[in-house]
PDB file of N, CA and C in Angstrom:
ATOM      1  N   MET A   1       0.846  -1.181   0.000  1.00  0.00           N
ATOM      2  CA  MET A   1       0.000   0.000   0.000  1.00  0.00           C
ATOM      3  C   MET A   1       0.888   1.240   0.000  1.00  0.00           C
ATOM      4  N   LEU A   2       0.865   1.986  -1.054  1.00  0.00           N
ATOM      5  CA  LEU A   2       1.546   3.277  -1.052  1.00  0.00           C
ATOM      6  C   LEU A   2       0.602   4.347  -0.528  1.00  0.00           C
ATOM      7  N   CYS A   3      -0.618   4.345  -1.042  1.00  0.00           N
ATOM      8  CA  CYS A   3      -1.595   5.360  -0.665  1.00  0.00           C
ATOM      9  C   CYS A   3      -2.992   4.780  -0.863  1.00  0.00           C
ATOM     10  N   LYS A   4      -3.814   4.829   0.174  1.00  0.00           N
ATOM     11  CA  LYS A   4      -5.172   4.310   0.088  1.00  0.00           C
ATOM     12  C   LYS A   4      -6.134   5.335   0.664  1.00  0.00           C
ATOM     13  N   ILE A   5      -7.100   5.755  -0.154  1.00  0.00           N
ATOM     14  CA  ILE A   5      -8.091   6.723   0.313  1.00  0.00           C
ATOM     15  C   ILE A   5      -9.059   6.003   1.250  1.00  0.00           C
ATOM     16  N   HIS A   6      -9.115   6.467   2.480  1.00  0.00           N
ATOM     17  CA  HIS A   6      -9.986   5.869   3.486  1.00  0.00           C
ATOM     18  C   HIS A   6     -11.386   6.490   3.426  1.00  0.00           C
ATOM     19  N   ASP A   7     -11.439   7.817   3.300  1.00  0.00           N
ATOM     20  CA  ASP A   7     -12.723   8.517   3.248  1.00  0.00           C
ATOM     21  C   ASP A   7     -12.533   9.834   2.516  1.00  0.00           C
ATOM     22  N   GLN A   8     -13.517  10.218   1.717  1.00  0.00           N
ATOM     23  CA  GLN A   8     -13.440  11.460   0.955  1.00  0.00           C
ATOM     24  C   GLN A   8     -14.432  12.486   1.481  1.00  0.00           C
ATOM     25  N   ASP A   9     -14.116  13.748   1.222  1.00  0.00           N
ATOM     26  CA  ASP A   9     -14.953  14.886   1.619  1.00  0.00           C
ATOM     27  C   ASP A   9     -15.267  14.858   3.113  1.00  0.00           C
ATOM     28  N   VAL A  10     -14.219  14.763   3.907  1.00  0.00           N
ATOM     29  CA  VAL A  10     -14.295  14.710   5.365  1.00  0.00           C
ATOM     30  C   VAL A  10     -14.462  16.121   5.911  1.00  0.00           C
ATOM     31  N   ASP A  11     -15.221  16.257   6.993  1.00  0.00           N
ATOM     32  CA  ASP A  11     -15.329  17.525   7.701  1.00  0.00           C
ATOM     33  C   ASP A  11     -14.235  17.547   8.773  1.00  0.00           C
ATOM     34  N   PRO A  12     -13.181  18.350   8.592  1.00  0.00           N
ATOM     35  CA  PRO A  12     -12.063  18.313   9.536  1.00  0.00           C
ATOM     36  C   PRO A  12     -12.435  18.755  10.958  1.00  0.00           C
ATOM     37  N   THR A  13     -13.513  19.509  11.119  1.00  0.00           N
ATOM     38  CA  THR A  13     -13.912  19.946  12.453  1.00  0.00           C
ATOM     39  C   THR A  13     -14.638  18.849  13.224  1.00  0.00           C
ATOM     40  N   ASN A  14     -15.166  17.858  12.524  1.00  0.00           N
ATOM     41  CA  ASN A  14     -15.880  16.751  13.164  1.00  0.00           C
ATOM     42  C   ASN A  14     -15.261  15.402  12.815  1.00  0.00           C
ATOM     43  N   PHE A  15     -13.978  15.383  12.554  1.00  0.00           N
ATOM     44  CA  PHE A  15     -13.280  14.169  12.130  1.00  0.00           C
ATOM     45  C   PHE A  15     -12.973  13.306  13.343  1.00  0.00           C
ATOM     46  N   ASP A  16     -13.630  12.147  13.434  1.00  0.00           N
ATOM     47  CA  ASP A  16     -13.421  11.217  14.552  1.00  0.00           C
ATOM     48  C   ASP A  16     -12.386  10.183  14.137  1.00  0.00           C
ATOM     49  N   ASP A  17     -11.200  10.288  14.695  1.00  0.00           N
ATOM     50  CA  ASP A  17     -10.120   9.381  14.337  1.00  0.00           C
ATOM     51  C   ASP A  17      -9.861   8.322  15.401  1.00  0.00           C
ATOM     52  N   SER A  18     -10.751   8.188  16.363  1.00  0.00           N
ATOM     53  CA  SER A  18     -10.529   7.281  17.485  1.00  0.00           C
ATOM     54  C   SER A  18     -10.501   5.809  17.080  1.00  0.00           C
ATOM     55  N   GLU A  19     -11.128   5.459  15.973  1.00  0.00           N
ATOM     56  CA  GLU A  19     -11.162   4.068  15.510  1.00  0.00           C
ATOM     57  C   GLU A  19     -10.309   3.849  14.268  1.00  0.00           C
ATOM     58  N   LEU A  20      -9.408   4.786  13.987  1.00  0.00           N
ATOM     59  CA  LEU A  20      -8.587   4.721  12.772  1.00  0.00           C
ATOM     60  C   LEU A  20      -7.127   4.435  13.118  1.00  0.00           C
ATOM     61  N   PRO A  21      -6.372   3.915  12.133  1.00  0.00           N
ATOM     62  CA  PRO A  21      -4.952   3.637  12.376  1.00  0.00           C
ATOM     63  C   PRO A  21      -4.128   4.919  12.398  1.00  0.00           C
ATOM     64  N   THR A  22      -2.954   4.835  12.988  1.00  0.00           N
ATOM     65  CA  THR A  22      -2.099   6.012  13.135  1.00  0.00           C
ATOM     66  C   THR A  22      -1.423   6.440  11.838  1.00  0.00           C
ATOM     67  N   ASP A  23      -1.587   5.682  10.771  1.00  0.00           N
ATOM     68  CA  ASP A  23      -1.018   6.088   9.480  1.00  0.00           C
ATOM     69  C   ASP A  23      -2.015   6.867   8.618  1.00  0.00           C
ATOM     70  N   ILE A  24      -3.070   7.378   9.255  1.00  0.00           N
ATOM     71  CA  ILE A  24      -4.055   8.222   8.557  1.00  0.00           C
ATOM     72  C   ILE A  24      -3.507   9.646   8.453  1.00  0.00           C
ATOM     73  N   HIS A  25      -3.660  10.227   7.284  1.00  0.00           N
ATOM     74  CA  HIS A  25      -3.293  11.628   7.034  1.00  0.00           C
ATOM     75  C   HIS A  25      -4.549  12.352   6.543  1.00  0.00           C
ATOM     76  N   LEU A  26      -4.634  13.621   6.837  1.00  0.00           N
ATOM     77  CA  LEU A  26      -5.723  14.441   6.325  1.00  0.00           C
ATOM     78  C   LEU A  26      -5.153  15.319   5.217  1.00  0.00           C
ATOM     79  N   VAL A  27      -5.699  15.149   4.007  1.00  0.00           N
ATOM     80  CA  VAL A  27      -5.220  15.863   2.830  1.00  0.00           C
ATOM     81  C   VAL A  27      -6.200  16.991   2.511  1.00  0.00           C
ATOM     82  N   GLU A  28      -5.683  18.199   2.422  1.00  0.00           N
ATOM     83  CA  GLU A  28      -6.486  19.365   2.065  1.00  0.00           C
ATOM     84  C   GLU A  28      -6.097  19.782   0.655  1.00  0.00           C
ATOM     85  N   TYR A  29      -7.100  19.905  -0.218  1.00  0.00           N
ATOM     86  CA  TYR A  29      -6.837  20.326  -1.595  1.00  0.00           C
ATOM     87  C   TYR A  29      -7.993  21.171  -2.107  1.00  0.00           C
ATOM     88  N   VAL A  30      -7.711  21.939  -3.147  1.00  0.00           N
ATOM     89  CA  VAL A  30      -8.694  22.869  -3.712  1.00  0.00           C
ATOM     90  C   VAL A  30      -8.909  22.540  -5.177  1.00  0.00           C
ATOM     91  N   ILE A  31     -10.189  22.493  -5.572  1.00  0.00           N
ATOM     92  CA  ILE A  31     -10.575  22.352  -6.974  1.00  0.00           C
ATOM     93  C   ILE A  31     -11.722  23.327  -7.214  1.00  0.00           C
ATOM     94  N   ASP A  32     -11.578  24.164  -8.217  1.00  0.00           N
ATOM     95  CA  ASP A  32     -12.607  25.169  -8.553  1.00  0.00           C
ATOM     96  C   ASP A  32     -13.016  26.011  -7.350  1.00  0.00           C
ATOM     97  N   ASP A  33     -12.042  26.489  -6.590  1.00  0.00           N
ATOM     98  CA  ASP A  33     -12.265  27.343  -5.420  1.00  0.00           C
ATOM     99  C   ASP A  33     -13.047  26.673  -4.290  1.00  0.00           C
ATOM    100  N   LYS A  34     -13.181  25.356  -4.336  1.00  0.00           N
ATOM    101  CA  LYS A  34     -13.816  24.622  -3.243  1.00  0.00           C
ATOM    102  C   LYS A  34     -12.748  23.763  -2.571  1.00  0.00           C
ATOM    103  N   THR A  35     -12.707  23.819  -1.239  1.00  0.00           N
ATOM    104  CA  THR A  35     -11.726  23.061  -0.463  1.00  0.00           C
ATOM    105  C   THR A  35     -12.310  21.709  -0.076  1.00  0.00           C
ATOM    106  N   TYR A  36     -11.508  20.674  -0.267  1.00  0.00           N
ATOM    107  CA  TYR A  36     -11.884  19.304   0.071  1.00  0.00           C
ATOM    108  C   TYR A  36     -10.875  18.741   1.060  1.00  0.00           C
ATOM    109  N   TYR A  37     -11.340  17.767   1.850  1.00  0.00           N
ATOM    110  CA  TYR A  37     -10.479  17.069   2.796  1.00  0.00           C
ATOM    111  C   TYR A  37     -10.731  15.573   2.639  1.00  0.00           C
ATOM    112  N   ASP A  38      -9.661  14.812   2.501  1.00  0.00           N
ATOM    113  CA  ASP A  38      -9.746  13.358   2.419  1.00  0.00           C
ATOM    114  C   ASP A  38      -8.902  12.747   3.526  1.00  0.00           C
ATOM    115  N   ALA A  39      -9.377  11.630   4.077  1.00  0.00           N
ATOM    116  CA  ALA A  39      -8.601  10.844   5.026  1.00  0.00           C
ATOM    117  C   ALA A  39      -7.915   9.747   4.223  1.00  0.00           C
ATOM    118  N   VAL A  40      -6.593   9.718   4.284  1.00  0.00           N
ATOM    119  CA  VAL A  40      -5.805   8.830   3.435  1.00  0.00           C
ATOM    120  C   VAL A  40      -4.797   8.058   4.286  1.00  0.00           C
ATOM    121  N   ARG A  41      -4.650   6.772   3.979  1.00  0.00           N
ATOM    122  CA  ARG A  41      -3.639   5.946   4.661  1.00  0.00           C
ATOM    123  C   ARG A  41      -2.398   5.870   3.790  1.00  0.00           C
ATOM    124  N   ALA A  42      -1.253   6.086   4.407  1.00  0.00           N
ATOM    125  CA  ALA A  42       0.036   5.958   3.723  1.00  0.00           C
ATOM    126  C   ALA A  42       1.142   5.997   4.760  1.00  0.00           C
ATOM    127  N   ASN A  43       2.283   5.420   4.402  1.00  0.00           N
ATOM    128  CA  ASN A  43       3.433   5.464   5.295  1.00  0.00           C
ATOM    129  C   ASN A  43       4.135   6.810   5.231  1.00  0.00           C
ATOM    130  N   LYS A  44       4.162   7.406   4.032  1.00  0.00           N
ATOM    131  CA  LYS A  44       4.880   8.669   3.843  1.00  0.00           C
ATOM    132  C   LYS A  44       3.980   9.702   3.171  1.00  0.00           C
ATOM    133  N   ALA A  45       4.089  10.934   3.606  1.00  0.00           N
ATOM    134  CA  ALA A  45       3.316  12.021   3.000  1.00  0.00           C
ATOM    135  C   ALA A  45       3.710  12.223   1.536  1.00  0.00           C
ATOM    136  N   SER A  46       4.947  11.900   1.190  1.00  0.00           N
ATOM    137  CA  SER A  46       5.371  12.074  -0.203  1.00  0.00           C
ATOM    138  C   SER A  46       4.607  11.147  -1.140  1.00  0.00           C
ATOM    139  N   ASP A  47       4.222   9.957  -0.667  1.00  0.00           N
ATOM    140  CA  ASP A  47       3.405   9.055  -1.482  1.00  0.00           C
ATOM    141  C   ASP A  47       2.034   9.670  -1.753  1.00  0.00           C
ATOM    142  N   ILE A  48       1.476  10.298  -0.729  1.00  0.00           N
ATOM    143  CA  ILE A  48       0.176  10.957  -0.873  1.00  0.00           C
ATOM    144  C   ILE A  48       0.294  12.139  -1.818  1.00  0.00           C
ATOM    145  N   PHE A  49       1.326  12.937  -1.639  1.00  0.00           N
ATOM    146  CA  PHE A  49       1.499  14.120  -2.473  1.00  0.00           C
ATOM    147  C   PHE A  49       1.565  13.741  -3.954  1.00  0.00           C
ATOM    148  N   ASP A  50       2.320  12.712  -4.282  1.00  0.00           N
ATOM    149  CA  ASP A  50       2.446  12.292  -5.678  1.00  0.00           C
ATOM    150  C   ASP A  50       1.085  11.978  -6.291  1.00  0.00           C
ATOM    151  N   VAL A  51       0.266  11.232  -5.578  1.00  0.00           N
ATOM    152  CA  VAL A  51      -1.065  10.854  -6.081  1.00  0.00           C
ATOM    153  C   VAL A  51      -1.973  12.074  -6.202  1.00  0.00           C
ATOM    154  N   TYR A  52      -2.016  12.896  -5.156  1.00  0.00           N
ATOM    155  CA  TYR A  52      -2.921  14.041  -5.156  1.00  0.00           C
ATOM    156  C   TYR A  52      -2.455  15.158  -6.081  1.00  0.00           C
ATOM    157  N   TYR A  53      -1.172  15.310  -6.255  1.00  0.00           N
ATOM    158  CA  TYR A  53      -0.671  16.299  -7.207  1.00  0.00           C
ATOM    159  C   TYR A  53      -1.165  15.956  -8.609  1.00  0.00           C
ATOM    160  N   ASP A  54      -1.009  14.697  -8.985  1.00  0.00           N
ATOM    161  CA  ASP A  54      -1.479  14.262 -10.307  1.00  0.00           C
ATOM    162  C   ASP A  54      -2.997  14.376 -10.430  1.00  0.00           C
ATOM    163  N   LYS A  55      -3.716  13.994  -9.379  1.00  0.00           N
ATOM    164  CA  LYS A  55      -5.183  14.033  -9.375  1.00  0.00           C
ATOM    165  C   LYS A  55      -5.714  15.459  -9.533  1.00  0.00           C
ATOM    166  N   THR A  56      -5.149  16.396  -8.776  1.00  0.00           N
ATOM    167  CA  THR A  56      -5.667  17.764  -8.804  1.00  0.00           C
ATOM    168  C   THR A  56      -5.161  18.555 -10.009  1.00  0.00           C
ATOM    169  N   LYS A  57      -3.971  18.246 -10.480  1.00  0.00           N
ATOM    170  CA  LYS A  57      -3.403  18.961 -11.626  1.00  0.00           C
ATOM    171  C   LYS A  57      -4.269  18.792 -12.876  1.00  0.00           C
ATOM    172  N   LEU A  58      -4.837  17.612 -13.053  1.00  0.00           N
ATOM    173  CA  LEU A  58      -5.675  17.328 -14.229  1.00  0.00           C
ATOM    174  C   LEU A  58      -6.908  18.222 -14.304  1.00  0.00           C
ATOM    175  N   VAL A  59      -7.386  18.682 -13.142  1.00  0.00           N
ATOM    176  CA  VAL A  59      -8.608  19.489 -13.108  1.00  0.00           C
ATOM    177  C   VAL A  59      -8.360  20.922 -12.646  1.00  0.00           C
ATOM    178  N   GLY A  60      -7.100  21.346 -12.672  1.00  0.00           N
ATOM    179  CA  GLY A  60      -6.767  22.721 -12.326  1.00  0.00           C
ATOM    180  C   GLY A  60      -6.755  23.026 -10.840  1.00  0.00           C
ATOM    181  N   GLY A  61      -6.644  22.003 -10.006  1.00  0.00           N
ATOM    182  CA  GLY A  61      -6.617  22.216  -8.560  1.00  0.00           C
ATOM    183  C   GLY A  61      -5.203  22.168  -8.024  1.00  0.00           C
ATOM    184  N   LYS A  62      -5.105  22.196  -6.683  1.00  0.00           N
ATOM    185  CA  LYS A  62      -3.791  22.096  -6.061  1.00  0.00           C
ATOM    186  C   LYS A  62      -3.901  21.550  -4.644  1.00  0.00           C
ATOM    187  N   VAL A  63      -2.826  20.921  -4.213  1.00  0.00           N
ATOM    188  CA  VAL A  63      -2.724  20.388  -2.857  1.00  0.00           C
ATOM    189  C   VAL A  63      -2.329  21.531  -1.932  1.00  0.00           C
ATOM    190  N   ILE A  64      -3.054  21.687  -0.842  1.00  0.00           N
ATOM    191  CA  ILE A  64      -2.783  22.755   0.125  1.00  0.00           C
ATOM    192  C   ILE A  64      -1.941  22.230   1.289  1.00  0.00           C
ATOM    193  N   ALA A  65      -2.351  21.088   1.871  1.00  0.00           N
ATOM    194  CA  ALA A  65      -1.644  20.562   3.040  1.00  0.00           C
ATOM    195  C   ALA A  65      -1.883  19.069   3.191  1.00  0.00           C
ATOM    196  N   ILE A  66      -0.915  18.407   3.794  1.00  0.00           N
ATOM    197  CA  ILE A  66      -1.042  17.007   4.192  1.00  0.00           C
ATOM    198  C   ILE A  66      -0.649  16.954   5.657  1.00  0.00           C
ATOM    199  N   ARG A  67      -1.618  16.629   6.508  1.00  0.00           N
ATOM    200  CA  ARG A  67      -1.371  16.641   7.954  1.00  0.00           C
ATOM    201  C   ARG A  67      -1.413  15.219   8.502  1.00  0.00           C
ATOM    202  N   ASN A  68      -0.486  14.910   9.390  1.00  0.00           N
ATOM    203  CA  ASN A  68      -0.492  13.613  10.039  1.00  0.00           C
ATOM    204  C   ASN A  68      -0.774  13.786  11.525  1.00  0.00           C
ATOM    205  N   GLY A  69      -0.680  12.693  12.268  1.00  0.00           N
ATOM    206  CA  GLY A  69      -0.949  12.770  13.702  1.00  0.00           C
ATOM    207  C   GLY A  69      -2.360  12.347  14.056  1.00  0.00           C
ATOM    208  N   TYR A  70      -3.013  11.686  13.148  1.00  0.00           N
ATOM    209  CA  TYR A  70      -4.378  11.216  13.384  1.00  0.00           C
ATOM    210  C   TYR A  70      -4.353   9.722  13.663  1.00  0.00           C
ATOM    211  N   GLY A  71      -5.455   9.217  14.147  1.00  0.00           N
ATOM    212  CA  GLY A  71      -5.587   7.791  14.419  1.00  0.00           C
ATOM    213  C   GLY A  71      -5.093   7.423  15.804  1.00  0.00           C
ATOM    214  N   LYS A  72      -5.644   6.337  16.319  1.00  0.00           N
ATOM    215  CA  LYS A  72      -5.302   5.880  17.669  1.00  0.00           C
ATOM    216  C   LYS A  72      -4.846   4.417  17.696  1.00  0.00           C
ATOM    217  N   ILE A  73      -4.988   3.699  16.575  1.00  0.00           N
ATOM    218  CA  ILE A  73      -4.708   2.263  16.532  1.00  0.00           C
ATOM    219  C   ILE A  73      -3.448   2.006  15.716  1.00  0.00           C
ATOM    220  N   LYS A  74      -2.587   1.117  16.207  1.00  0.00           N
ATOM    221  CA  LYS A  74      -1.397   0.747  15.443  1.00  0.00           C
ATOM    222  C   LYS A  74      -1.842   0.141  14.106  1.00  0.00           C
ATOM    223  N   PRO A  75      -1.204   0.519  13.007  1.00  0.00           N
ATOM    224  CA  PRO A  75      -1.629   0.027  11.691  1.00  0.00           C
ATOM    225  C   PRO A  75      -1.704  -1.489  11.569  1.00  0.00           C
ATOM    226  N   LYS A  76      -0.770  -2.217  12.185  1.00  0.00           N
ATOM    227  CA  LYS A  76      -0.807  -3.679  12.062  1.00  0.00           C
ATOM    228  C   LYS A  76      -1.963  -4.300  12.855  1.00  0.00           C
ATOM    229  N   LEU A  77      -2.544  -3.552  13.779  1.00  0.00           N
ATOM    230  CA  LEU A  77      -3.685  -4.040  14.562  1.00  0.00           C
ATOM    231  C   LEU A  77      -5.025  -3.555  13.999  1.00  0.00           C
ATOM    232  N   TYR A  78      -4.970  -2.680  13.016  1.00  0.00           N
ATOM    233  CA  TYR A  78      -6.202  -2.124  12.437  1.00  0.00           C
ATOM    234  C   TYR A  78      -6.832  -3.143  11.497  1.00  0.00           C
ATOM    235  N   ASN A  79      -8.078  -3.464  11.759  1.00  0.00           N
ATOM    236  CA  ASN A  79      -8.804  -4.404  10.936  1.00  0.00           C
ATOM    237  C   ASN A  79     -10.240  -3.887  10.781  1.00  0.00           C
ATOM    238  N   PRO A  80     -10.480  -3.063   9.757  1.00  0.00           N
ATOM    239  CA  PRO A  80     -11.816  -2.483   9.605  1.00  0.00           C
ATOM    240  C   PRO A  80     -12.860  -3.541   9.289  1.00  0.00           C
ATOM    241  N   VAL A  81     -14.035  -3.342   9.836  1.00  0.00           N
ATOM    242  CA  VAL A  81     -15.161  -4.237   9.556  1.00  0.00           C
ATOM    243  C   VAL A  81     -15.764  -3.792   8.233  1.00  0.00           C
ATOM    244  N   LYS A  82     -15.864  -4.712   7.299  1.00  0.00           N
ATOM    245  CA  LYS A  82     -16.431  -4.395   5.991  1.00  0.00           C
ATOM    246  C   LYS A  82     -17.914  -4.634   5.993  1.00  0.00           C
ATOM    247  N   THR A  83     -18.656  -3.634   5.563  1.00  0.00           N
ATOM    248  CA  THR A  83     -20.106  -3.765   5.447  1.00  0.00           C
ATOM    249  C   THR A  83     -20.494  -3.602   3.989  1.00  0.00           C
ATOM    250  N   ASP A  84     -21.410  -4.416   3.553  1.00  0.00           N
ATOM    251  CA  ASP A  84     -21.859  -4.336   2.152  1.00  0.00           C
ATOM    252  C   ASP A  84     -23.255  -3.796   2.054  1.00  0.00           C
TER     253      ASP A  84
END
């Protein structure tokens, strides 16, 4: 896993990371003057930047920030329950 999008269009003011792994990053980017936030899993912020730079460049957007320090569970112990 280089970069895996966990959740898109997250509200950073109400972001509950208590059940998430510690390798979660919050990515802030702008497209058409609208700011978006995604919760993304990755070992390094540079892996996230590469993906999001390419993603936003195609539509005239840009990456604003990649913040870490989220999550409470060790990544090797994280096992999300899948619901269909």
